């Protein structure tokens, strides 16, 4: 049975710890200590060094007492978006929010707290379970950098779950897009805007013409594109010769992702060239998409486990990426589970107290259900 008071205290303690992306040392040390106290084998990788952070991904491994059960993987990320210093969690009318001008940090301390409480419960109640691997990642908010720099051979599970979505417990995300990061440099020609403007080629105008011609926003039901940052010009009396733009394309279909990316590239190159300038477009793959079939063990188990404790399983897709994109790419089928966090990345962030406890109960149910399965 979930110890509500303990879990609430655990959650509120963790959200008070400042844990910006790349600065997770304090929360990482706390979780390593508590995992070790629960009898797990604990380690930390070198992802922090690779990304210039002060902590790596934290691993915990608990040997099972159900010999033929599959190994289940449970994950959540330790970092939060800023501002996350000086968080003052307040519980009122069954809702946990923050009193000050900070995020709450339920994204993703709700996932961390659910995993920790579930492990405590199965240990205290001697619940049958297979091997359990836990990974608490760093820098998820910093572009999935922790999971991106995780050594795939360290993952030992047959399948797993990342507790990192805003849906209520019972929501199971089985599809998420891949993303390409697109950087565009538009070059014109510098000139004095008052003395000889006809000698210049305005890079800002070139960029504007390209932006007016390109497809963006909602492309179709599984594809999006966005232009997020634009910088150019140094003075009103100078025809600007350079504009830098940062954009992205996303799709759950790799062919569509490639097509949208190429459309954006060609549009900028052609518009700039035909108007007397040029464009350089650089594309970096951020992460690949994933799709899990409803009949797959990871999804079927999640649905059965939800139903076993009275939660309504809801299988859905996401428009955002998460560590699960990398875990799936590494060969560990991973679904994302809703934990009830709401208005994340804002100072209005909150979570219902009941969703917090139900998330832990759901993890316990997943572990119990997996113990009854036979490993393939």
Protein backbone atom coordinates (compact mmCIF):
# COMPACT_ATOMS: atom_id res chain seq x y z
CA UNK A 1 0.00 0.00 0.00
CA UNK A 2 1.28 3.45 -0.92
CA UNK A 3 2.41 5.42 2.13
CA UNK A 4 0.86 8.76 1.18
CA UNK A 5 2.46 10.86 3.87
CA UNK A 6 5.90 9.47 3.10
CA UNK A 7 5.48 9.97 -0.62
CA UNK A 8 4.21 13.52 -0.22
CA UNK A 9 7.16 14.37 2.03
CA UNK A 10 9.55 12.76 -0.46
CA UNK A 11 8.08 14.72 -3.37
CA UNK A 12 8.08 18.07 -1.57
CA UNK A 13 11.66 17.52 -0.38
CA UNK A 14 12.86 16.82 -3.92
CA UNK A 15 11.15 19.75 -5.61
CA UNK A 16 12.86 22.11 -3.17
CA UNK A 17 16.24 21.03 -4.54
CA UNK A 18 17.49 23.27 -7.36
CA UNK A 19 18.22 20.98 -10.28
CA UNK A 20 18.65 22.90 -13.52
CA UNK A 21 19.83 20.91 -16.53
CA UNK A 22 23.52 20.19 -16.05
CA UNK A 23 23.39 20.98 -12.32
CA UNK A 24 21.76 17.84 -10.85
CA UNK A 25 24.55 16.90 -8.41
CA UNK A 26 22.51 17.39 -5.21
CA UNK A 27 19.45 15.42 -6.34
CA UNK A 28 21.65 12.74 -7.92
CA UNK A 29 23.53 12.18 -4.65
CA UNK A 30 20.26 12.01 -2.70
CA UNK A 31 18.78 9.42 -5.05
CA UNK A 32 21.95 7.34 -5.11
CA UNK A 33 21.92 7.23 -1.32
CA UNK A 34 18.28 6.23 -1.11
CA UNK A 35 18.52 3.59 -3.82
CA UNK A 36 21.49 2.07 -2.00
CA UNK A 37 19.56 2.09 1.30
CA UNK A 38 16.82 0.11 -0.45
CA UNK A 39 19.33 -2.55 -1.43
CA UNK A 40 19.83 -1.66 -5.10
CA UNK A 41 23.17 -1.82 -6.85
CA UNK A 42 23.85 1.82 -7.69
CA UNK A 43 26.10 3.45 -10.28
CA UNK A 44 26.52 6.67 -12.24
CA UNK A 45 27.74 7.10 -15.80
CA UNK A 46 29.91 9.80 -17.36
CA UNK A 47 27.15 11.60 -19.27
CA UNK A 48 27.69 14.67 -17.10
CA UNK A 49 31.29 15.01 -18.26
CA UNK A 50 30.23 14.64 -21.89
CA UNK A 51 27.72 17.49 -21.68
CA UNK A 52 29.60 19.76 -19.28
CA UNK A 53 27.30 18.99 -16.34
CA UNK A 54 28.12 18.14 -12.74
CA UNK A 55 26.32 14.77 -12.56
CA UNK A 56 25.68 11.75 -14.75
CA UNK A 57 22.73 9.45 -15.21
CA UNK A 58 21.99 7.45 -12.05
CA UNK A 59 21.39 3.69 -12.35
CA UNK A 60 19.85 1.32 -9.82
CA UNK A 61 19.41 -2.44 -10.22
CA UNK A 62 17.28 -4.67 -8.03
CA UNK A 63 17.51 -8.43 -8.44
CA UNK A 64 14.16 -10.18 -8.68
CA UNK A 65 12.59 -13.00 -6.72
CA UNK A 66 10.40 -14.13 -9.65
CA UNK A 67 12.93 -16.11 -11.61
CA UNK A 68 11.44 -16.26 -15.11
CA UNK A 69 9.95 -12.74 -15.24
CA UNK A 70 11.20 -10.12 -17.70
CA UNK A 71 13.45 -7.31 -16.55
CA UNK A 72 11.49 -4.05 -16.33
CA UNK A 73 13.06 -0.65 -16.79
CA UNK A 74 11.74 2.46 -14.98
CA UNK A 75 12.94 5.96 -15.76
CA UNK A 76 12.38 9.62 -14.93
CA UNK A 77 14.58 12.68 -15.32
CA UNK A 78 16.15 14.58 -12.45
CA UNK A 79 16.38 18.06 -13.97
CA UNK A 80 13.78 20.82 -14.18
CA UNK A 81 13.42 23.92 -16.31
CA UNK A 82 14.25 27.24 -14.69
CA UNK A 83 13.28 28.99 -12.49
CA UNK A 84 13.56 26.05 -10.09
CA UNK A 85 15.45 27.59 -7.17
CA UNK A 86 13.58 28.29 -3.95
CA UNK A 87 10.49 26.26 -4.82
CA UNK A 88 7.79 26.50 -2.14
CA UNK A 89 5.30 23.67 -2.67
CA UNK A 90 1.82 24.26 -1.26
CA UNK A 91 -0.95 21.68 -0.85
CA UNK A 92 -4.47 23.07 -0.99
CA UNK A 93 -7.74 21.29 -1.76
CA UNK A 94 -5.93 18.21 -3.06
CA UNK A 95 -3.68 20.15 -5.43
CA UNK A 96 0.06 20.71 -5.08
CA UNK A 97 1.30 23.98 -6.58
CA UNK A 98 4.09 26.47 -5.94
CA UNK A 99 3.69 29.56 -3.78
CA UNK A 100 6.38 31.66 -5.44
CA UNK A 101 7.51 32.67 -8.92
CA UNK A 102 9.03 29.31 -9.81
CA UNK A 103 8.03 26.11 -11.51
CA UNK A 104 6.83 23.37 -9.18
CA UNK A 105 9.09 20.68 -10.59
CA UNK A 106 6.48 17.94 -10.87
CA UNK A 107 8.11 17.60 -14.28
CA UNK A 108 9.69 15.27 -13.47
CA UNK A 109 9.93 14.83 -9.70
CA UNK A 110 6.46 13.27 -9.82
CA UNK A 111 7.95 10.47 -11.92
CA UNK A 112 10.98 10.14 -9.63
CA UNK A 113 8.80 10.04 -6.51
CA UNK A 114 6.48 7.41 -8.02
CA UNK A 115 9.38 5.11 -8.82
CA UNK A 116 11.00 5.53 -5.40
CA UNK A 117 7.75 4.89 -3.52
CA UNK A 118 6.97 1.83 -5.65
CA UNK A 119 10.36 0.31 -4.86
CA UNK A 120 9.84 0.94 -1.16
CA UNK A 121 6.43 -0.76 -1.29
CA UNK A 122 7.61 -3.89 -3.07
CA UNK A 123 10.48 -4.19 -0.61
CA UNK A 124 8.32 -3.63 2.48
CA UNK A 125 5.56 -5.99 1.36
CA UNK A 126 7.90 -8.57 -0.19
CA UNK A 127 5.97 -8.41 -3.46
CA UNK A 128 7.15 -10.90 -6.11
CA UNK A 129 9.05 -9.12 -8.87
CA UNK A 130 11.50 -9.72 -11.65
CA UNK A 131 14.72 -7.79 -12.05
CA UNK A 132 14.12 -4.03 -12.02
CA UNK A 133 16.42 -1.46 -13.57
CA UNK A 134 16.01 2.21 -12.69
CA UNK A 135 17.56 5.08 -14.61
CA UNK A 136 17.26 8.68 -13.46
CA UNK A 137 18.56 10.84 -16.29
CA UNK A 138 20.17 14.25 -16.39
CA UNK A 139 19.53 17.13 -18.78
CA UNK A 140 16.31 15.85 -20.32
CA UNK A 141 15.08 19.43 -20.46
CA UNK A 142 18.37 20.40 -22.10
CA UNK A 143 17.57 18.49 -25.29
CA UNK A 144 17.49 14.89 -23.97
CA UNK A 145 21.24 15.22 -23.45
CA UNK A 146 21.45 12.69 -20.62
CA UNK A 147 19.80 9.84 -22.50
CA UNK A 148 21.56 10.87 -25.72
CA UNK A 149 24.93 10.39 -24.01
CA UNK A 150 23.97 7.20 -22.16
CA UNK A 151 25.90 4.09 -23.13
CA UNK A 152 23.23 1.74 -24.59
CA UNK A 153 24.99 -1.39 -23.29
CA UNK A 154 24.18 -0.24 -19.74
CA UNK A 155 20.47 -0.87 -20.34
CA UNK A 156 19.66 -4.42 -19.25
CA UNK A 157 15.85 -4.48 -19.44
CA UNK A 158 13.49 -6.28 -21.80
CA UNK A 159 11.20 -3.23 -21.92
CA UNK A 160 10.39 -0.24 -19.80
CA UNK A 161 8.49 2.89 -18.89
CA UNK A 162 9.42 6.56 -18.67
CA UNK A 163 7.20 8.39 -16.19
CA UNK A 164 7.22 11.78 -17.84
CA UNK A 165 3.91 12.97 -19.27
CA UNK A 166 1.09 15.26 -18.24
CA UNK A 167 -1.76 12.80 -18.74
CA UNK A 168 -3.45 11.18 -15.76
CA UNK A 169 -2.11 7.84 -14.51
CA UNK A 170 -3.33 5.23 -16.98
CA UNK A 171 -2.27 7.24 -20.03
CA UNK A 172 0.22 5.30 -22.15
CA UNK A 173 2.11 7.11 -24.90
CA UNK A 174 3.12 4.68 -27.63
CA UNK A 175 4.08 7.08 -30.42
CA UNK A 176 6.27 10.18 -30.45
CA UNK A 177 7.95 12.16 -33.22
CA UNK A 178 11.55 12.44 -34.23
CA UNK A 179 13.04 15.90 -34.52
CA UNK A 180 15.55 17.64 -36.75
CA UNK A 181 17.23 20.81 -35.53
CA UNK A 182 17.68 23.26 -38.41
CA UNK A 183 20.05 26.23 -38.46
CA UNK A 184 19.79 28.71 -41.32
CA UNK A 185 22.22 31.49 -42.21
CA UNK A 186 20.89 33.95 -44.80
CA UNK A 187 23.53 36.12 -46.49
CA UNK A 188 22.89 39.39 -48.29
CA UNK A 189 25.22 42.32 -48.97
CA UNK A 190 26.09 45.14 -46.61
CA UNK A 191 25.65 48.76 -47.69
CA UNK A 192 24.92 52.18 -46.21
CA UNK A 193 21.16 52.37 -45.86
CA UNK A 194 21.02 56.13 -46.43
CA UNK A 195 23.80 56.73 -48.93
CA UNK A 196 23.67 53.66 -51.21
CA UNK A 197 20.87 51.26 -50.25
CA UNK A 198 20.62 50.03 -53.86
CA UNK A 199 24.08 48.52 -53.49
CA UNK A 200 22.98 46.26 -50.67
CA UNK A 201 20.98 43.05 -50.41
CA UNK A 202 18.93 43.04 -47.23
CA UNK A 203 19.31 39.68 -45.50
CA UNK A 204 16.35 40.37 -43.23
CA UNK A 205 14.11 40.89 -46.24
CA UNK A 206 15.46 37.71 -47.87
CA UNK A 207 14.67 35.78 -44.70
CA UNK A 208 11.20 37.33 -44.57
CA UNK A 209 10.45 36.29 -48.15
CA UNK A 210 11.57 32.75 -47.41
CA UNK A 211 9.49 32.62 -44.23
CA UNK A 212 6.47 33.78 -46.20
CA UNK A 213 6.99 30.97 -48.72
CA UNK A 214 7.73 28.04 -46.42
CA UNK A 215 5.22 25.61 -44.89
CA UNK A 216 5.27 25.60 -41.08
CA UNK A 217 3.09 24.90 -38.04
CA UNK A 218 0.80 21.87 -38.31
CA UNK A 219 1.79 20.12 -41.53
CA UNK A 220 -0.37 17.03 -40.96
CA UNK A 221 -1.58 14.87 -38.09
CA UNK A 222 1.94 13.66 -37.26
CA UNK A 223 4.22 16.38 -38.64
CA UNK A 224 5.01 19.92 -37.42
CA UNK A 225 7.58 22.63 -38.10
CA UNK A 226 8.52 25.81 -36.30
CA UNK A 227 10.83 28.81 -36.54
CA UNK A 228 11.82 29.74 -33.02
CA UNK A 229 14.76 32.16 -33.06
CA UNK A 230 15.84 34.84 -35.54
CA UNK A 231 18.75 37.27 -35.19
CA UNK A 232 20.14 39.81 -37.62
CA UNK A 233 21.18 43.37 -38.21
CA UNK A 234 23.34 45.75 -36.22
CA UNK A 235 21.95 49.24 -37.00
CA UNK A 236 19.12 50.92 -38.89
CA UNK A 237 21.58 52.76 -41.17
CA UNK A 238 23.23 49.55 -42.39
CA UNK A 239 21.68 47.14 -44.87
CA UNK A 240 22.09 43.86 -42.95
CA UNK A 241 24.13 41.17 -44.63
CA UNK A 242 23.45 38.26 -42.27
CA UNK A 243 20.46 36.71 -40.53
CA UNK A 244 20.60 33.58 -38.35
CA UNK A 245 17.49 31.47 -37.84
CA UNK A 246 16.91 28.43 -35.65
CA UNK A 247 14.07 26.11 -36.56
CA UNK A 248 12.87 22.56 -36.13
CA UNK A 249 10.84 19.89 -37.90
CA UNK A 250 9.10 16.96 -36.20
CA UNK A 251 7.25 13.91 -37.41
CA UNK A 252 6.34 10.42 -36.26
CA UNK A 253 7.11 9.32 -39.82
CA UNK A 254 10.76 9.43 -40.89
CA UNK A 255 9.95 9.96 -44.58
CA UNK A 256 7.72 12.92 -43.72
CA UNK A 257 10.38 14.31 -41.40
CA UNK A 258 12.92 14.16 -44.19
CA UNK A 259 10.50 15.70 -46.71
CA UNK A 260 9.60 18.62 -44.44
CA UNK A 261 13.24 19.26 -43.60
CA UNK A 262 14.21 19.29 -47.28
CA UNK A 263 11.29 21.61 -48.08
CA UNK A 264 12.57 24.08 -45.51
CA UNK A 265 16.13 23.81 -46.79
CA UNK A 266 15.23 24.24 -50.47
CA UNK A 267 12.84 27.11 -49.83
CA UNK A 268 15.49 29.20 -48.09
CA UNK A 269 18.21 28.31 -50.58
CA UNK A 270 16.06 29.10 -53.63
CA UNK A 271 14.49 32.29 -52.28
CA UNK A 272 17.86 33.67 -51.22
CA UNK A 273 19.52 32.77 -54.52
CA UNK A 274 16.79 34.23 -56.73
CA UNK A 275 16.89 37.51 -54.78
CA UNK A 276 20.63 38.08 -54.95
CA UNK A 277 21.77 36.37 -51.75
CA UNK A 278 22.46 32.89 -50.49
CA UNK A 279 21.48 30.61 -47.62
CA UNK A 280 23.40 27.97 -45.73
CA UNK A 281 21.23 25.35 -44.01
CA UNK A 282 22.59 22.90 -41.43
CA UNK A 283 20.48 19.99 -40.22
CA UNK A 284 21.22 17.99 -37.08
CA UNK A 285 19.14 15.01 -36.04
CA UNK A 286 17.95 15.55 -32.49
CA UNK A 287 16.29 12.15 -32.08
CA UNK A 288 14.33 9.49 -33.96
CA UNK A 289 10.60 8.79 -33.65
CA UNK A 290 9.19 5.64 -32.12
CA UNK A 291 5.99 3.64 -32.53
CA UNK A 292 4.96 0.79 -30.21
CA UNK A 293 2.26 -1.65 -31.29
CA UNK A 294 -0.71 -2.12 -28.94
CA UNK A 295 -0.02 -5.86 -28.94
CA UNK A 296 3.60 -5.45 -27.83
CA UNK A 297 4.45 -6.72 -24.33
CA UNK A 298 5.33 -3.25 -23.04
CA UNK A 299 1.94 -1.82 -24.03
CA UNK A 300 -0.18 -4.88 -23.20
CA UNK A 301 1.36 -5.07 -19.71
CA UNK A 302 0.77 -1.37 -19.06
CA UNK A 303 -2.89 -1.70 -20.03
CA UNK A 304 -3.40 -4.80 -17.86
CA UNK A 305 -1.64 -3.18 -14.90
CA UNK A 306 -3.77 -0.03 -15.13
CA UNK A 307 -6.99 -2.02 -15.24
CA UNK A 308 -5.89 -4.14 -12.29
CA UNK A 309 -6.02 -1.12 -9.96
CA UNK A 310 -9.06 0.56 -11.45
CA UNK A 311 -7.31 3.03 -13.74
CA UNK A 312 -8.61 3.49 -17.28
CA UNK A 313 -5.84 2.69 -19.76
CA UNK A 314 -5.68 5.27 -22.55
CA UNK A 315 -3.26 4.61 -25.41
CA UNK A 316 -2.27 7.82 -27.18
CA UNK A 317 0.42 9.63 -29.18
CA UNK A 318 2.58 12.61 -28.27
CA UNK A 319 3.83 15.57 -30.26
CA UNK A 320 6.90 15.95 -28.05
CA UNK A 321 10.11 14.06 -27.51
CA UNK A 322 11.36 12.46 -24.31
CA UNK A 323 14.11 10.15 -23.09
CA UNK A 324 11.93 7.31 -24.41
CA UNK A 325 12.91 8.32 -27.95
CA UNK A 326 16.49 7.35 -27.18
CA UNK A 327 15.63 4.28 -25.11
CA UNK A 328 13.55 2.91 -27.97
CA UNK A 329 16.34 3.70 -30.40
CA UNK A 330 18.73 1.76 -28.15
CA UNK A 331 16.54 -1.32 -28.53
CA UNK A 332 14.61 -1.19 -25.25
CA UNK A 333 10.88 -0.78 -26.03
CA UNK A 334 9.80 2.08 -23.76
CA UNK A 335 6.37 3.63 -23.32
CA UNK A 336 5.81 6.99 -21.64
CA UNK A 337 3.33 7.07 -18.76
CA UNK A 338 1.22 9.97 -17.60
CA UNK A 339 1.77 11.11 -14.03
CA UNK A 340 -0.67 14.01 -13.91
CA UNK A 341 1.66 17.01 -14.07
CA UNK A 342 -0.11 20.07 -15.48
CA UNK A 343 0.95 23.46 -16.92
CA UNK A 344 4.57 22.32 -16.91
CA UNK A 345 7.36 24.78 -17.68
CA UNK A 346 5.32 27.62 -16.18
CA UNK A 347 4.95 29.17 -12.75
CA UNK A 348 1.36 27.86 -12.76
CA UNK A 349 2.52 24.23 -12.75
CA UNK A 350 0.60 21.88 -10.46
CA UNK A 351 -0.27 18.25 -9.83
CA UNK A 352 -3.24 16.67 -8.13
CA UNK A 353 -2.28 14.90 -4.94
CA UNK A 354 -4.32 11.84 -5.97
CA UNK A 355 -2.44 11.57 -9.29
CA UNK A 356 0.85 11.53 -7.40
CA UNK A 357 -0.23 8.53 -5.32
CA UNK A 358 -1.91 6.77 -8.24
CA UNK A 359 1.31 7.01 -10.24
CA UNK A 360 3.17 5.08 -7.55
CA UNK A 361 0.36 2.54 -7.30
CA UNK A 362 0.52 2.14 -11.08
CA UNK A 363 4.26 1.40 -10.97
CA UNK A 364 3.65 -1.22 -8.27
CA UNK A 365 0.93 -2.76 -10.44
CA UNK A 366 3.30 -2.85 -13.42
CA UNK A 367 5.93 -4.63 -11.35
CA UNK A 368 3.36 -7.12 -10.04
CA UNK A 369 1.95 -7.80 -13.51
CA UNK A 370 5.42 -8.25 -15.01
CA UNK A 371 6.26 -10.82 -12.31
CA UNK A 372 3.47 -13.01 -13.68
CA UNK A 373 4.84 -12.93 -17.22
CA UNK A 374 7.35 -15.29 -18.76
CA UNK A 375 10.49 -13.78 -20.22
CA UNK A 376 10.75 -14.27 -23.99
